[in-house]
Amino acid sequence: MISKELLDILVCPERRTRLSVADDELVADLNRAIEARRLKNRGGERVEKPLDGGLLRDDRTVVYPIVDGIPIMLIDEAIPLDQLESRG
């Protein structure tokens, strides 16, 4: 999916902090929320397309989606994790 070399140079565009690859459980939770049509990105748009993966910000509050193998590193495309039921 994301090579270690790429992950080593990518940072959160908002805070310039490190990112890690979201685990399969988090991606599955996000995709269930997308399927239920209850997930919005920071820009306020409903997330419609299932994620291949995600890049988790070091404070674990947002995920930058990976769609069709491409990390979407735009602040407005980040998905706030407080929308997930299990995360509050």
Protein backbone atom coordinates (compact mmCIF):
# COMPACT_ATOMS: atom_id res chain seq x y z
CA MET A 1 0.00 0.00 0.00
CA ILE A 2 2.18 2.90 1.26
CA SER A 3 5.90 2.34 1.12
CA LYS A 4 7.98 3.02 4.21
CA GLU A 5 9.98 5.59 2.23
CA LEU A 6 6.83 7.54 1.36
CA LEU A 7 5.46 7.27 4.90
CA ASP A 8 8.76 8.62 6.24
CA ILE A 9 8.37 11.86 4.27
CA LEU A 10 4.61 12.44 4.53
CA VAL A 11 3.40 14.69 7.33
CA CYS A 12 0.05 16.13 8.32
CA PRO A 13 -0.45 19.20 6.11
CA GLU A 14 -2.13 21.05 8.97
CA ARG A 15 0.22 20.40 11.88
CA ARG A 16 3.33 19.02 10.17
CA THR A 17 3.28 16.02 12.50
CA ARG A 18 4.00 12.39 11.74
CA LEU A 19 1.48 10.01 10.26
CA SER A 20 1.07 6.28 10.65
CA VAL A 21 -0.86 3.73 8.64
CA ALA A 22 -4.36 3.21 10.05
CA ASP A 23 -4.95 -0.35 11.20
CA ASP A 24 -7.45 -2.62 9.45
CA GLU A 25 -9.99 -2.29 12.28
CA LEU A 26 -10.09 1.51 12.00
CA VAL A 27 -10.41 1.36 8.21
CA ALA A 28 -13.26 -1.16 8.57
CA ASP A 29 -15.00 1.15 11.10
CA LEU A 30 -14.63 4.07 8.71
CA ASN A 31 -15.97 2.06 5.78
CA ARG A 32 -19.00 0.95 7.81
CA ALA A 33 -19.72 4.60 8.63
CA ILE A 34 -19.32 5.52 4.96
CA GLU A 35 -21.72 2.76 3.94
CA ALA A 36 -24.21 4.04 6.54
CA ARG A 37 -23.83 7.52 5.01
CA ARG A 38 -22.85 9.12 8.33
CA LEU A 39 -19.26 10.16 7.75
CA LYS A 40 -18.19 13.65 6.68
CA ASN A 41 -14.77 15.08 5.99
CA ARG A 42 -13.48 18.30 7.56
CA GLY A 43 -14.79 20.25 4.60
CA GLY A 44 -18.33 19.16 5.57
CA GLU A 45 -18.79 16.88 2.55
CA ARG A 46 -20.20 13.39 2.99
CA VAL A 47 -17.56 10.72 2.33
CA GLU A 48 -19.04 8.55 -0.42
CA LYS A 49 -16.25 6.27 -1.60
CA PRO A 50 -14.91 3.41 0.54
CA LEU A 51 -11.34 3.78 1.74
CA ASP A 52 -8.46 1.50 0.78
CA GLY A 53 -6.71 2.67 3.92
CA GLY A 54 -5.82 5.79 5.83
CA LEU A 55 -3.00 7.79 7.34
CA LEU A 56 -3.59 8.49 11.01
CA ARG A 57 -2.32 11.75 12.51
CA ASP A 58 -0.12 11.30 15.58
CA ASP A 59 -2.79 12.74 17.91
CA ARG A 60 -5.22 10.09 16.58
CA THR A 61 -7.99 12.61 15.90
CA VAL A 62 -8.08 12.58 12.09
CA VAL A 63 -7.36 10.21 9.22
CA TYR A 64 -6.26 11.23 5.77
CA PRO A 65 -7.99 8.81 3.39
CA ILE A 66 -6.28 6.53 0.93
CA VAL A 67 -8.51 6.03 -2.10
CA ASP A 68 -7.52 3.96 -5.13
CA GLY A 69 -4.09 3.59 -3.52
CA ILE A 70 -3.50 7.36 -3.37
CA PRO A 71 -3.22 9.24 -0.05
CA ILE A 72 -5.43 12.33 -0.10
CA MET A 73 -3.34 14.86 1.83
CA LEU A 74 -5.73 17.82 1.86
CA ILE A 75 -6.89 19.30 5.17
CA ASP A 76 -10.54 19.49 4.05
CA GLU A 77 -10.46 15.81 3.01
CA ALA A 78 -9.30 14.63 6.45
CA ILE A 79 -11.88 12.60 8.35
CA PRO A 80 -12.41 13.54 12.02
CA LEU A 81 -12.52 10.35 14.07
CA ASP A 82 -14.94 11.72 16.67
CA GLN A 83 -17.71 10.71 14.25
CA LEU A 84 -17.14 7.03 14.94
CA GLU A 85 -19.44 5.62 17.62
CA SER A 86 -16.71 3.59 19.27
CA ARG A 87 -14.39 6.58 19.58
CA GLY A 88 -16.72 9.25 20.98
